[in-house]
Full PDB file with SEQRES, HELIX, SHEET, SSBOND, CRYST1, ORIGX, SCALE, CONECT and MASTER records, all heavy atoms in Angstrom:
SEQRES   1 A   33  LYS VAL ALA PHE GLU SER SER ASP THR ILE TYR PHE GLU          
SEQRES   2 A   33  LEU ASP LEU ILE ASP PRO LYS THR ILE SER THR LEU SER          
SEQRES   3 A   33  ASN CYS GLN MET LEU PRO GLN                                  
HELIX    1 AA1 VAL A    2  SER A    6  1                                   5    
HELIX    2 AA2 PRO A   19  CYS A   28  1                                  10    
CRYST1    1.000    1.000    1.000  90.00  90.00  90.00 P 1           1          
ORIGX1      1.000000  0.000000  0.000000        0.00000                         
ORIGX2      0.000000  1.000000  0.000000        0.00000                         
ORIGX3      0.000000  0.000000  1.000000        0.00000                         
SCALE1      1.000000  0.000000  0.000000        0.00000                         
SCALE2      0.000000  1.000000  0.000000        0.00000                         
SCALE3      0.000000  0.000000  1.000000        0.00000                         
ATOM      1  N   LYS A   1     148.093 -56.457  42.691  1.00  0.00           N  
ATOM      2  CA  LYS A   1     146.773 -55.870  42.965  1.00  0.00           C  
ATOM      3  C   LYS A   1     146.859 -54.805  44.055  1.00  0.00           C  
ATOM      4  O   LYS A   1     146.174 -53.772  43.967  1.00  0.00           O  
ATOM      5  CB  LYS A   1     145.801 -56.990  43.339  1.00  0.00           C  
ATOM      6  CG  LYS A   1     145.608 -57.992  42.202  1.00  0.00           C  
ATOM      7  CD  LYS A   1     144.823 -59.227  42.605  1.00  0.00           C  
ATOM      8  CE  LYS A   1     144.746 -60.227  41.458  1.00  0.00           C  
ATOM      9  NZ  LYS A   1     144.051 -61.472  41.808  1.00  0.00           N  
ATOM     10  N   VAL A   2     147.709 -55.040  45.051  1.00  0.00           N  
ATOM     11  CA  VAL A   2     147.909 -54.036  46.109  1.00  0.00           C  
ATOM     12  C   VAL A   2     148.548 -52.778  45.528  1.00  0.00           C  
ATOM     13  O   VAL A   2     148.153 -51.658  45.846  1.00  0.00           O  
ATOM     14  CB  VAL A   2     148.778 -54.620  47.244  1.00  0.00           C  
ATOM     15  CG1 VAL A   2     149.212 -53.520  48.220  1.00  0.00           C  
ATOM     16  CG2 VAL A   2     148.019 -55.710  47.986  1.00  0.00           C  
ATOM     17  N   ALA A   3     149.544 -52.966  44.668  1.00  0.00           N  
ATOM     18  CA  ALA A   3     150.209 -51.814  44.028  1.00  0.00           C  
ATOM     19  C   ALA A   3     149.210 -51.014  43.197  1.00  0.00           C  
ATOM     20  O   ALA A   3     149.217 -49.776  43.217  1.00  0.00           O  
ATOM     21  CB  ALA A   3     151.364 -52.297  43.158  1.00  0.00           C  
ATOM     22  N   PHE A   4     148.345 -51.707  42.463  1.00  0.00           N  
ATOM     23  CA  PHE A   4     147.324 -51.042  41.652  1.00  0.00           C  
ATOM     24  C   PHE A   4     146.382 -50.226  42.535  1.00  0.00           C  
ATOM     25  O   PHE A   4     146.116 -49.050  42.261  1.00  0.00           O  
ATOM     26  CB  PHE A   4     146.542 -52.093  40.863  1.00  0.00           C  
ATOM     27  CG  PHE A   4     145.431 -51.534  40.013  1.00  0.00           C  
ATOM     28  CD1 PHE A   4     145.703 -50.996  38.763  1.00  0.00           C  
ATOM     29  CD2 PHE A   4     144.117 -51.555  40.468  1.00  0.00           C  
ATOM     30  CE1 PHE A   4     144.677 -50.479  37.972  1.00  0.00           C  
ATOM     31  CE2 PHE A   4     143.095 -51.044  39.679  1.00  0.00           C  
ATOM     32  CZ  PHE A   4     143.372 -50.498  38.436  1.00  0.00           C  
ATOM     33  N   GLU A   5     145.904 -50.839  43.601  1.00  0.00           N  
ATOM     34  CA  GLU A   5     144.931 -50.176  44.466  1.00  0.00           C  
ATOM     35  C   GLU A   5     145.542 -49.007  45.234  1.00  0.00           C  
ATOM     36  O   GLU A   5     144.855 -48.024  45.528  1.00  0.00           O  
ATOM     37  CB  GLU A   5     144.326 -51.190  45.442  1.00  0.00           C  
ATOM     38  CG  GLU A   5     143.431 -52.220  44.757  1.00  0.00           C  
ATOM     39  CD  GLU A   5     142.946 -53.307  45.694  1.00  0.00           C  
ATOM     40  OE1 GLU A   5     143.211 -53.197  46.916  1.00  0.00           O  
ATOM     41  OE2 GLU A   5     142.312 -54.266  45.211  1.00  0.00           O  
ATOM     42  N   SER A   6     146.835 -49.103  45.542  1.00  0.00           N  
ATOM     43  CA  SER A   6     147.467 -48.048  46.347  1.00  0.00           C  
ATOM     44  C   SER A   6     147.974 -46.881  45.509  1.00  0.00           C  
ATOM     45  O   SER A   6     148.326 -45.831  46.053  1.00  0.00           O  
ATOM     46  CB  SER A   6     148.635 -48.641  47.149  1.00  0.00           C  
ATOM     47  OG  SER A   6     149.672 -49.080  46.279  1.00  0.00           O  
ATOM     48  N   SER A   7     148.024 -47.031  44.200  1.00  0.00           N  
ATOM     49  CA  SER A   7     148.543 -45.976  43.328  1.00  0.00           C  
ATOM     50  C   SER A   7     147.479 -44.902  43.080  1.00  0.00           C  
ATOM     51  O   SER A   7     146.291 -45.194  42.985  1.00  0.00           O  
ATOM     52  CB  SER A   7     149.009 -46.559  41.999  1.00  0.00           C  
ATOM     53  OG  SER A   7     150.076 -47.464  42.203  1.00  0.00           O  
ATOM     54  N   ASP A   8     147.938 -43.660  42.954  1.00  0.00           N  
ATOM     55  CA  ASP A   8     147.014 -42.542  42.734  1.00  0.00           C  
ATOM     56  C   ASP A   8     146.479 -42.517  41.303  1.00  0.00           C  
ATOM     57  O   ASP A   8     145.301 -42.261  41.069  1.00  0.00           O  
ATOM     58  CB  ASP A   8     147.731 -41.203  42.989  1.00  0.00           C  
ATOM     59  CG  ASP A   8     148.317 -41.115  44.385  1.00  0.00           C  
ATOM     60  OD1 ASP A   8     147.605 -41.497  45.338  1.00  0.00           O  
ATOM     61  OD2 ASP A   8     149.471 -40.664  44.520  1.00  0.00           O  
ATOM     62  N   THR A   9     147.377 -42.771  40.343  1.00  0.00           N  
ATOM     63  CA  THR A   9     147.048 -42.585  38.932  1.00  0.00           C  
ATOM     64  C   THR A   9     147.509 -43.800  38.123  1.00  0.00           C  
ATOM     65  O   THR A   9     148.615 -44.289  38.320  1.00  0.00           O  
ATOM     66  CB  THR A   9     147.723 -41.311  38.382  1.00  0.00           C  
ATOM     67  OG1 THR A   9     147.308 -40.188  39.168  1.00  0.00           O  
ATOM     68  CG2 THR A   9     147.337 -41.065  36.926  1.00  0.00           C  
ATOM     69  N   ILE A  10     146.646 -44.252  37.213  1.00  0.00           N  
ATOM     70  CA  ILE A  10     146.943 -45.421  36.388  1.00  0.00           C  
ATOM     71  C   ILE A  10     147.156 -44.953  34.952  1.00  0.00           C  
ATOM     72  O   ILE A  10     146.298 -44.257  34.394  1.00  0.00           O  
ATOM     73  CB  ILE A  10     145.799 -46.453  36.426  1.00  0.00           C  
ATOM     74  CG1 ILE A  10     145.285 -46.664  37.866  1.00  0.00           C  
ATOM     75  CG2 ILE A  10     146.243 -47.765  35.802  1.00  0.00           C  
ATOM     76  CD1 ILE A  10     146.327 -47.171  38.838  1.00  0.00           C  
ATOM     77  N   TYR A  11     148.291 -45.331  34.389  1.00  0.00           N  
ATOM     78  CA  TYR A  11     148.611 -44.939  33.019  1.00  0.00           C  
ATOM     79  C   TYR A  11     148.700 -46.168  32.123  1.00  0.00           C  
ATOM     80  O   TYR A  11     149.206 -47.211  32.532  1.00  0.00           O  
ATOM     81  CB  TYR A  11     149.939 -44.173  32.966  1.00  0.00           C  
ATOM     82  CG  TYR A  11     149.765 -42.676  32.864  1.00  0.00           C  
ATOM     83  CD1 TYR A  11     149.312 -41.938  33.960  1.00  0.00           C  
ATOM     84  CD2 TYR A  11     150.012 -41.981  31.681  1.00  0.00           C  
ATOM     85  CE1 TYR A  11     149.121 -40.569  33.882  1.00  0.00           C  
ATOM     86  CE2 TYR A  11     149.836 -40.616  31.591  1.00  0.00           C  
ATOM     87  CZ  TYR A  11     149.388 -39.913  32.691  1.00  0.00           C  
ATOM     88  OH  TYR A  11     149.206 -38.555  32.596  1.00  0.00           O  
ATOM     89  N   PHE A  12     148.207 -46.007  30.891  1.00  0.00           N  
ATOM     90  CA  PHE A  12     148.236 -47.067  29.893  1.00  0.00           C  
ATOM     91  C   PHE A  12     148.958 -46.566  28.649  1.00  0.00           C  
ATOM     92  O   PHE A  12     149.315 -45.390  28.557  1.00  0.00           O  
ATOM     93  CB  PHE A  12     146.806 -47.492  29.538  1.00  0.00           C  
ATOM     94  CG  PHE A  12     146.015 -47.975  30.711  1.00  0.00           C  
ATOM     95  CD1 PHE A  12     145.233 -47.085  31.455  1.00  0.00           C  
ATOM     96  CD2 PHE A  12     146.060 -49.298  31.104  1.00  0.00           C  
ATOM     97  CE1 PHE A  12     144.508 -47.523  32.561  1.00  0.00           C  
ATOM     98  CE2 PHE A  12     145.346 -49.745  32.206  1.00  0.00           C  
ATOM     99  CZ  PHE A  12     144.567 -48.854  32.939  1.00  0.00           C  
ATOM    100  N   GLU A  13     149.172 -47.473  27.695  1.00  0.00           N  
ATOM    101  CA  GLU A  13     149.763 -47.044  26.430  1.00  0.00           C  
ATOM    102  C   GLU A  13     148.800 -46.098  25.722  1.00  0.00           C  
ATOM    103  O   GLU A  13     149.180 -45.018  25.276  1.00  0.00           O  
ATOM    104  CB  GLU A  13     150.077 -48.264  25.558  1.00  0.00           C  
ATOM    105  CG  GLU A  13     151.181 -49.138  26.130  1.00  0.00           C  
ATOM    106  CD  GLU A  13     151.342 -50.444  25.371  1.00  0.00           C  
ATOM    107  OE1 GLU A  13     150.626 -50.638  24.359  1.00  0.00           O  
ATOM    108  OE2 GLU A  13     152.174 -51.268  25.777  1.00  0.00           O  
ATOM    109  N   LEU A  14     147.536 -46.514  25.592  1.00  0.00           N  
ATOM    110  CA  LEU A  14     146.487 -45.697  24.997  1.00  0.00           C  
ATOM    111  C   LEU A  14     145.326 -45.569  25.983  1.00  0.00           C  
ATOM    112  O   LEU A  14     145.158 -46.413  26.864  1.00  0.00           O  
ATOM    113  CB  LEU A  14     145.973 -46.326  23.699  1.00  0.00           C  
ATOM    114  CG  LEU A  14     146.927 -46.399  22.516  1.00  0.00           C  
ATOM    115  CD1 LEU A  14     146.278 -47.167  21.366  1.00  0.00           C  
ATOM    116  CD2 LEU A  14     147.343 -45.012  22.046  1.00  0.00           C  
ATOM    117  N   ASP A  15     144.531 -44.521  25.821  1.00  0.00           N  
ATOM    118  CA  ASP A  15     143.336 -44.339  26.637  1.00  0.00           C  
ATOM    119  C   ASP A  15     142.243 -45.263  26.103  1.00  0.00           C  
ATOM    120  O   ASP A  15     141.557 -44.946  25.130  1.00  0.00           O  
ATOM    121  CB  ASP A  15     142.883 -42.879  26.587  1.00  0.00           C  
ATOM    122  CG  ASP A  15     141.746 -42.602  27.569  1.00  0.00           C  
ATOM    123  OD1 ASP A  15     141.119 -43.578  28.042  1.00  0.00           O  
ATOM    124  OD2 ASP A  15     141.490 -41.425  27.857  1.00  0.00           O  
ATOM    125  N   LEU A  16     142.089 -46.409  26.752  1.00  0.00           N  
ATOM    126  CA  LEU A  16     141.245 -47.478  26.214  1.00  0.00           C  
ATOM    127  C   LEU A  16     139.754 -47.254  26.400  1.00  0.00           C  
ATOM    128  O   LEU A  16     138.949 -47.984  25.823  1.00  0.00           O  
ATOM    129  CB  LEU A  16     141.646 -48.806  26.866  1.00  0.00           C  
ATOM    130  CG  LEU A  16     143.117 -49.197  26.687  1.00  0.00           C  
ATOM    131  CD1 LEU A  16     143.448 -50.399  27.554  1.00  0.00           C  
ATOM    132  CD2 LEU A  16     143.418 -49.471  25.243  1.00  0.00           C  
ATOM    133  N   ILE A  17     139.381 -46.274  27.236  1.00  0.00           N  
ATOM    134  CA  ILE A  17     137.953 -46.054  27.477  1.00  0.00           C  
ATOM    135  C   ILE A  17     137.476 -44.726  26.885  1.00  0.00           C  
ATOM    136  O   ILE A  17     136.357 -44.300  27.140  1.00  0.00           O  
ATOM    137  CB  ILE A  17     137.625 -46.125  28.984  1.00  0.00           C  
ATOM    138  CG1 ILE A  17     138.534 -45.202  29.797  1.00  0.00           C  
ATOM    139  CG2 ILE A  17     137.745 -47.548  29.489  1.00  0.00           C  
ATOM    140  CD1 ILE A  17     138.238 -45.228  31.284  1.00  0.00           C  
ATOM    141  N   ASP A  18     138.330 -44.111  26.092  1.00  0.00           N  
ATOM    142  CA  ASP A  18     137.968 -42.864  25.427  1.00  0.00           C  
ATOM    143  C   ASP A  18     137.414 -43.183  24.034  1.00  0.00           C  
ATOM    144  O   ASP A  18     138.127 -43.728  23.187  1.00  0.00           O  
ATOM    145  CB  ASP A  18     139.199 -41.963  25.312  1.00  0.00           C  
ATOM    146  CG  ASP A  18     138.893 -40.663  24.588  1.00  0.00           C  
ATOM    147  OD1 ASP A  18     137.700 -40.361  24.382  1.00  0.00           O  
ATOM    148  OD2 ASP A  18     139.850 -39.948  24.230  1.00  0.00           O  
ATOM    149  N   PRO A  19     136.146 -42.858  23.771  1.00  0.00           N  
ATOM    150  CA  PRO A  19     135.564 -43.149  22.449  1.00  0.00           C  
ATOM    151  C   PRO A  19     136.363 -42.534  21.306  1.00  0.00           C  
ATOM    152  O   PRO A  19     136.423 -43.109  20.211  1.00  0.00           O  
ATOM    153  CB  PRO A  19     134.159 -42.536  22.531  1.00  0.00           C  
ATOM    154  CG  PRO A  19     133.849 -42.483  23.994  1.00  0.00           C  
ATOM    155  CD  PRO A  19     135.160 -42.251  24.681  1.00  0.00           C  
ATOM    156  N   LYS A  20     136.986 -41.393  21.549  1.00  0.00           N  
ATOM    157  CA  LYS A  20     137.775 -40.741  20.501  1.00  0.00           C  
ATOM    158  C   LYS A  20     138.968 -41.616  20.111  1.00  0.00           C  
ATOM    159  O   LYS A  20     139.353 -41.680  18.941  1.00  0.00           O  
ATOM    160  CB  LYS A  20     138.254 -39.373  20.969  1.00  0.00           C  
ATOM    161  CG  LYS A  20     138.977 -38.592  19.878  1.00  0.00           C  
ATOM    162  CD  LYS A  20     139.418 -37.223  20.370  1.00  0.00           C  
ATOM    163  CE  LYS A  20     140.199 -36.484  19.289  1.00  0.00           C  
ATOM    164  NZ  LYS A  20     140.678 -35.163  19.759  1.00  0.00           N  
ATOM    165  N   THR A  21     139.574 -42.282  21.092  1.00  0.00           N  
ATOM    166  CA  THR A  21     140.689 -43.184  20.810  1.00  0.00           C  
ATOM    167  C   THR A  21     140.251 -44.301  19.873  1.00  0.00           C  
ATOM    168  O   THR A  21     140.925 -44.613  18.890  1.00  0.00           O  
ATOM    169  CB  THR A  21     141.240 -43.795  22.115  1.00  0.00           C  
ATOM    170  OG1 THR A  21     141.754 -42.752  22.949  1.00  0.00           O  
ATOM    171  CG2 THR A  21     142.362 -44.788  21.833  1.00  0.00           C  
ATOM    172  N   ILE A  22     139.109 -44.915  20.191  1.00  0.00           N  
ATOM    173  CA  ILE A  22     138.594 -46.021  19.387  1.00  0.00           C  
ATOM    174  C   ILE A  22     138.261 -45.538  17.979  1.00  0.00           C  
ATOM    175  O   ILE A  22     138.577 -46.204  16.983  1.00  0.00           O  
ATOM    176  CB  ILE A  22     137.339 -46.638  20.037  1.00  0.00           C  
ATOM    177  CG1 ILE A  22     137.637 -47.034  21.502  1.00  0.00           C  
ATOM    178  CG2 ILE A  22     136.867 -47.851  19.248  1.00  0.00           C  
ATOM    179  CD1 ILE A  22     138.803 -47.966  21.679  1.00  0.00           C  
ATOM    180  N   SER A  23     137.648 -44.361  17.879  1.00  0.00           N  
ATOM    181  CA  SER A  23     137.282 -43.811  16.579  1.00  0.00           C  
ATOM    182  C   SER A  23     138.518 -43.506  15.740  1.00  0.00           C  
ATOM    183  O   SER A  23     138.566 -43.825  14.538  1.00  0.00           O  
ATOM    184  CB  SER A  23     136.449 -42.542  16.779  1.00  0.00           C  
ATOM    185  OG  SER A  23     136.204 -41.893  15.554  1.00  0.00           O  
ATOM    186  N   THR A  24     139.530 -42.897  16.359  1.00  0.00           N  
ATOM    187  CA  THR A  24     140.758 -42.559  15.645  1.00  0.00           C  
ATOM    188  C   THR A  24     141.476 -43.812  15.183  1.00  0.00           C  
ATOM    189  O   THR A  24     141.997 -43.877  14.059  1.00  0.00           O  
ATOM    190  CB  THR A  24     141.690 -41.715  16.537  1.00  0.00           C  
ATOM    191  OG1 THR A  24     140.989 -40.557  17.007  1.00  0.00           O  
ATOM    192  CG2 THR A  24     142.936 -41.276  15.778  1.00  0.00           C  
ATOM    193  N   LEU A  25     141.499 -44.829  16.037  1.00  0.00           N  
ATOM    194  CA  LEU A  25     142.140 -46.096  15.684  1.00  0.00           C  
ATOM    195  C   LEU A  25     141.432 -46.740  14.493  1.00  0.00           C  
ATOM    196  O   LEU A  25     142.073 -47.259  13.578  1.00  0.00           O  
ATOM    197  CB  LEU A  25     142.123 -47.044  16.881  1.00  0.00           C  
ATOM    198  CG  LEU A  25     142.844 -48.380  16.723  1.00  0.00           C  
ATOM    199  CD1 LEU A  25     144.314 -48.168  16.417  1.00  0.00           C  
ATOM    200  CD2 LEU A  25     142.683 -49.231  17.979  1.00  0.00           C  
ATOM    201  N   SER A  26     140.111 -46.691  14.500  1.00  0.00           N  
ATOM    202  CA  SER A  26     139.342 -47.259  13.400  1.00  0.00           C  
ATOM    203  C   SER A  26     139.605 -46.502  12.100  1.00  0.00           C  
ATOM    204  O   SER A  26     139.809 -47.108  11.040  1.00  0.00           O  
ATOM    205  CB  SER A  26     137.850 -47.218  13.742  1.00  0.00           C  
ATOM    206  OG  SER A  26     137.071 -47.672  12.660  1.00  0.00           O  
ATOM    207  N   ASN A  27     139.628 -45.185  12.177  1.00  0.00           N  
ATOM    208  CA  ASN A  27     139.826 -44.363  10.974  1.00  0.00           C  
ATOM    209  C   ASN A  27     141.206 -44.577  10.352  1.00  0.00           C  
ATOM    210  O   ASN A  27     141.344 -44.579   9.127  1.00  0.00           O  
ATOM    211  CB  ASN A  27     139.640 -42.884  11.311  1.00  0.00           C  
ATOM    212  CG  ASN A  27     138.192 -42.534  11.585  1.00  0.00           C  
ATOM    213  OD1 ASN A  27     137.281 -43.230  11.143  1.00  0.00           O  
ATOM    214  ND2 ASN A  27     137.954 -41.467  12.335  1.00  0.00           N  
ATOM    215  N   CYS A  28     142.218 -44.764  11.192  1.00  0.00           N  
ATOM    216  CA  CYS A  28     143.571 -44.898  10.659  1.00  0.00           C  
ATOM    217  C   CYS A  28     143.770 -46.232   9.937  1.00  0.00           C  
ATOM    218  O   CYS A  28     144.720 -46.401   9.190  1.00  0.00           O  
ATOM    219  CB  CYS A  28     144.610 -44.733  11.760  1.00  0.00           C  
ATOM    220  SG  CYS A  28     145.079 -46.236  12.586  1.00  0.00           S  
ATOM    221  N   GLN A  29     142.855 -47.173  10.175  1.00  0.00           N  
ATOM    222  CA  GLN A  29     142.950 -48.482   9.523  1.00  0.00           C  
ATOM    223  C   GLN A  29     142.367 -48.478   8.119  1.00  0.00           C  
ATOM    224  O   GLN A  29     142.575 -49.425   7.354  1.00  0.00           O  
ATOM    225  CB  GLN A  29     142.227 -49.530  10.367  1.00  0.00           C  
ATOM    226  CG  GLN A  29     142.830 -49.744  11.745  1.00  0.00           C  
ATOM    227  CD  GLN A  29     142.063 -50.773  12.555  1.00  0.00           C  
ATOM    228  OE1 GLN A  29     141.242 -51.517  12.020  1.00  0.00           O  
ATOM    229  NE2 GLN A  29     142.317 -50.830  13.844  1.00  0.00           N  
ATOM    230  N   MET A  30     141.650 -47.417   7.774  1.00  0.00           N  
ATOM    231  CA  MET A  30     140.893 -47.406   6.526  1.00  0.00           C  
ATOM    232  C   MET A  30     141.730 -46.937   5.330  1.00  0.00           C  
ATOM    233  O   MET A  30     142.602 -46.085   5.450  1.00  0.00           O  
ATOM    234  CB  MET A  30     139.663 -46.504   6.668  1.00  0.00           C  
ATOM    235  CG  MET A  30     138.668 -47.000   7.694  1.00  0.00           C  
ATOM    236  SD  MET A  30     138.026 -48.640   7.272  1.00  0.00           S  
ATOM    237  CE  MET A  30     137.275 -49.109   8.852  1.00  0.00           C  
ATOM    238  N   LEU A  31     141.399 -47.505   4.168  1.00  0.00           N  
ATOM    239  CA  LEU A  31     141.977 -47.053   2.911  1.00  0.00           C  
ATOM    240  C   LEU A  31     141.496 -45.633   2.604  1.00  0.00           C  
ATOM    241  O   LEU A  31     140.486 -45.189   3.158  1.00  0.00           O  
ATOM    242  CB  LEU A  31     141.555 -47.982   1.780  1.00  0.00           C  
ATOM    243  CG  LEU A  31     142.223 -49.363   1.747  1.00  0.00           C  
ATOM    244  CD1 LEU A  31     141.414 -50.320   0.866  1.00  0.00           C  
ATOM    245  CD2 LEU A  31     143.655 -49.260   1.253  1.00  0.00           C  
ATOM    246  N   PRO A  32     142.206 -44.912   1.741  1.00  0.00           N  
ATOM    247  CA  PRO A  32     141.734 -43.586   1.347  1.00  0.00           C  
ATOM    248  C   PRO A  32     140.303 -43.643   0.820  1.00  0.00           C  
ATOM    249  O   PRO A  32     139.858 -44.664   0.284  1.00  0.00           O  
ATOM    250  CB  PRO A  32     142.711 -43.183   0.235  1.00  0.00           C  
ATOM    251  CG  PRO A  32     143.946 -43.968   0.508  1.00  0.00           C  
ATOM    252  CD  PRO A  32     143.471 -45.274   1.089  1.00  0.00           C  
ATOM    253  N   GLN A  33     139.577 -42.534   0.985  1.00  0.00           N  
ATOM    254  CA  GLN A  33     138.180 -42.456   0.570  1.00  0.00           C  
ATOM    255  C   GLN A  33     138.015 -42.902  -0.886  1.00  0.00           C  
ATOM    256  O   GLN A  33     138.757 -42.475  -1.769  1.00  0.00           O  
ATOM    257  CB  GLN A  33     137.681 -41.013   0.725  1.00  0.00           C  
ATOM    258  CG  GLN A  33     136.181 -40.851   0.572  1.00  0.00           C  
ATOM    259  CD  GLN A  33     135.404 -41.554   1.677  1.00  0.00           C  
ATOM    260  OE1 GLN A  33     135.856 -41.617   2.807  1.00  0.00           O  
ATOM    261  NE2 GLN A  33     134.239 -42.093   1.335  1.00  0.00           N  
TER     262      GLN A  33                                                      
MASTER        0    0    0    2    0    0    0    6  261    1    0    3          
END                                                                             
């Protein structure tokens, strides 16, 4: 927790709070139209 709080920038595998990420993830799961 100290390391998290003292770090300038936090990186994740995916941007979990970006609506575009969620939308793209949902679309890629779908069968062709």
